[in-house]
Amino acid sequence: MSLYLLIKTLHILSATVLFGTGLGSAYYSLRAWMTGRVEVIAATFRHLVFADWVFTATTAVFQPLSGLALAHLAGFPLNQPWLIWSLALYVLAGACWLPVVWLQIRIHRLAEQALRDGTPLPAAAHRYMRWWFVLGWPAFGAFVVIFYLMVAKGAA
């Protein structure tokens, strides 16, 4: 296997993990939130925070590095519009993800505290969850467009 095919395979696998973890996290977090049960929310967000550090953070770092390596190995100039747009959308998704991580940690801590105290979730947790939900949409949309741009590579 050539270096290019190896990096391309890892890049695609990494993108799959990154996107899939994001979708799975959104699904399970919303399902937990909709139960209204503090113990379910605390447990789900504990696992969500862990998954974000193990899967999302590692693949988020690998994606641009492997993408730039692929562009270099394929001889693509870095000033091509599809590549510039892909990188800009990736930065947008990252700018949404960083506050989401903070929000997830805060929601988890507030849920754990409410569970220990036997109280309902505080208003801050609900406010954080609204921001978490809102920030997920531009990141999701950015990744869908990035996938298209990676496949089309300016052909459309």
Protein backbone atom coordinates (compact mmCIF):
# COMPACT_ATOMS: atom_id res chain seq x y z
CA MET A 1 0.00 0.00 0.00
CA SER A 2 1.33 3.42 -0.91
CA LEU A 3 1.73 6.17 1.67
CA TYR A 4 -1.05 8.12 -0.04
CA LEU A 5 -3.54 5.22 0.22
CA LEU A 6 -2.57 4.56 3.82
CA ILE A 7 -3.12 8.19 4.83
CA LYS A 8 -6.33 8.38 2.78
CA THR A 9 -7.70 5.26 4.48
CA LEU A 10 -6.84 6.64 7.93
CA HIS A 11 -8.30 10.02 6.96
CA ILE A 12 -11.62 8.44 5.92
CA LEU A 13 -11.75 6.24 9.03
CA SER A 14 -10.95 9.24 11.21
CA ALA A 15 -13.66 11.33 9.53
CA THR A 16 -16.12 8.50 10.10
CA VAL A 17 -15.24 8.32 13.80
CA LEU A 18 -15.38 12.11 14.17
CA PHE A 19 -18.75 12.49 12.45
CA GLY A 20 -20.22 9.33 13.93
CA THR A 21 -19.18 10.20 17.45
CA GLY A 22 -20.74 13.63 17.02
CA LEU A 23 -24.03 12.21 15.78
CA GLY A 24 -24.08 9.49 18.42
CA SER A 25 -23.28 11.98 21.17
CA ALA A 26 -26.06 14.29 20.02
CA TYR A 27 -28.57 11.45 19.86
CA TYR A 28 -27.81 9.93 23.25
CA SER A 29 -27.50 13.30 24.97
CA LEU A 30 -30.85 14.49 23.67
CA ARG A 31 -32.48 11.17 24.57
CA ALA A 32 -31.05 11.39 28.10
CA TRP A 33 -32.09 15.03 28.42
CA MET A 34 -35.63 14.24 27.31
CA THR A 35 -36.04 11.73 30.14
CA GLY A 36 -35.69 14.57 32.65
CA ARG A 37 -34.05 12.07 35.00
CA VAL A 38 -30.99 13.56 36.65
CA GLU A 39 -29.29 10.16 37.09
CA VAL A 40 -29.65 9.38 33.37
CA ILE A 41 -28.38 12.83 32.36
CA ALA A 42 -25.40 12.59 34.75
CA ALA A 43 -24.39 9.14 33.50
CA THR A 44 -24.87 9.99 29.83
CA PHE A 45 -22.92 13.24 30.02
CA ARG A 46 -20.12 11.51 31.95
CA HIS A 47 -19.71 9.10 29.04
CA LEU A 48 -20.16 11.90 26.51
CA VAL A 49 -17.33 13.95 27.99
CA PHE A 50 -15.07 10.88 27.98
CA ALA A 51 -15.95 10.02 24.37
CA ASP A 52 -15.29 13.58 23.27
CA TRP A 53 -11.76 13.51 24.66
CA VAL A 54 -10.93 10.01 23.44
CA PHE A 55 -12.57 10.01 20.01
CA THR A 56 -13.50 13.53 18.97
CA ALA A 57 -10.38 15.36 20.15
CA THR A 58 -7.95 12.85 18.66
CA THR A 59 -9.69 12.65 15.31
CA ALA A 60 -10.21 16.43 15.25
CA VAL A 61 -6.44 16.87 15.42
CA PHE A 62 -5.73 14.09 12.91
CA GLN A 63 -8.20 15.29 10.27
CA PRO A 64 -6.52 18.53 9.14
CA LEU A 65 -3.05 17.01 9.43
CA SER A 66 -3.94 14.01 7.29
CA GLY A 67 -5.96 16.18 4.90
CA LEU A 68 -3.05 18.54 4.32
CA ALA A 69 -0.71 15.56 3.88
CA LEU A 70 -3.10 14.12 1.26
CA ALA A 71 -3.30 17.44 -0.57
CA HIS A 72 0.50 17.62 -0.62
CA LEU A 73 0.96 14.02 -1.79
CA ALA A 74 -1.71 14.44 -4.49
CA GLY A 75 -0.14 17.69 -5.66
CA PHE A 76 -3.19 19.86 -4.93
CA PRO A 77 -2.30 23.52 -4.45
CA LEU A 78 -3.59 24.74 -1.09
CA ASN A 79 -5.24 27.78 -2.68
CA GLN A 80 -8.00 25.79 -4.42
CA PRO A 81 -11.45 27.06 -3.45
CA TRP A 82 -12.78 23.63 -2.38
CA LEU A 83 -9.80 23.18 -0.06
CA ILE A 84 -10.00 26.70 1.37
CA TRP A 85 -13.75 26.26 1.99
CA SER A 86 -13.16 22.88 3.59
CA LEU A 87 -10.59 24.30 5.98
CA ALA A 88 -12.75 27.34 6.78
CA LEU A 89 -15.76 25.12 7.53
CA TYR A 90 -13.55 22.89 9.66
CA VAL A 91 -12.49 25.92 11.69
CA LEU A 92 -16.17 26.89 12.04
CA ALA A 93 -17.03 23.39 13.28
CA GLY A 94 -14.14 23.54 15.73
CA ALA A 95 -15.23 26.97 16.94
CA CYS A 96 -18.61 25.42 17.73
CA TRP A 97 -17.16 22.27 19.29
CA LEU A 98 -14.84 23.95 21.81
CA PRO A 99 -17.63 25.72 23.70
CA VAL A 100 -19.75 22.56 23.42
CA VAL A 101 -17.07 20.63 25.30
CA TRP A 102 -17.14 23.21 28.08
CA LEU A 103 -20.96 23.09 28.13
CA GLN A 104 -20.95 19.29 28.32
CA ILE A 105 -18.55 19.35 31.25
CA ARG A 106 -20.68 21.96 33.03
CA ILE A 107 -23.91 20.03 32.41
CA HIS A 108 -22.27 16.85 33.67
CA ARG A 109 -21.00 18.56 36.84
CA LEU A 110 -24.36 20.22 37.50
CA ALA A 111 -26.18 16.92 36.98
CA GLU A 112 -23.77 15.11 39.31
CA GLN A 113 -24.25 17.81 41.95
CA ALA A 114 -28.05 17.68 41.60
CA LEU A 115 -27.90 13.89 41.89
CA ARG A 116 -25.82 14.10 45.09
CA ASP A 117 -28.11 16.77 46.54
CA GLY A 118 -31.32 15.10 45.42
CA THR A 119 -32.44 18.27 43.65
CA PRO A 120 -33.62 19.01 40.12
CA LEU A 121 -31.19 20.36 37.57
CA PRO A 122 -30.56 24.09 38.05
CA ALA A 123 -31.63 26.66 35.47
CA ALA A 124 -28.00 26.97 34.32
CA ALA A 125 -28.04 23.36 33.09
CA HIS A 126 -31.09 24.10 30.95
CA ARG A 127 -29.45 27.24 29.57
CA TYR A 128 -26.25 25.29 28.80
CA MET A 129 -28.24 22.59 27.06
CA ARG A 130 -29.96 25.13 24.83
CA TRP A 131 -26.56 26.54 23.78
CA TRP A 132 -25.23 22.99 23.30
CA PHE A 133 -28.13 22.24 20.94
CA VAL A 134 -27.78 25.51 19.00
CA LEU A 135 -24.01 25.12 18.51
CA GLY A 136 -24.40 21.59 17.20
CA TRP A 137 -26.28 22.64 14.07
CA PRO A 138 -23.62 24.78 12.36
CA ALA A 139 -20.99 22.14 13.16
CA PHE A 140 -23.18 19.40 11.67
CA GLY A 141 -23.90 21.47 8.57
CA ALA A 142 -20.24 22.34 8.15
CA PHE A 143 -19.27 18.67 8.21
CA VAL A 144 -21.92 17.73 5.63
CA VAL A 145 -20.57 20.39 3.26
CA ILE A 146 -16.97 19.33 3.96
CA PHE A 147 -17.84 15.74 3.02
CA TYR A 148 -19.30 16.99 -0.25
CA LEU A 149 -16.27 19.16 -0.98
CA MET A 150 -13.89 16.28 -0.28
CA VAL A 151 -15.76 14.05 -2.71
CA ALA A 152 -16.33 16.64 -5.45
CA LYS A 153 -12.93 18.37 -5.14
CA GLY A 154 -14.11 21.30 -7.23
CA ALA A 155 -15.68 19.15 -9.97
CA ALA A 156 -19.15 20.52 -9.36
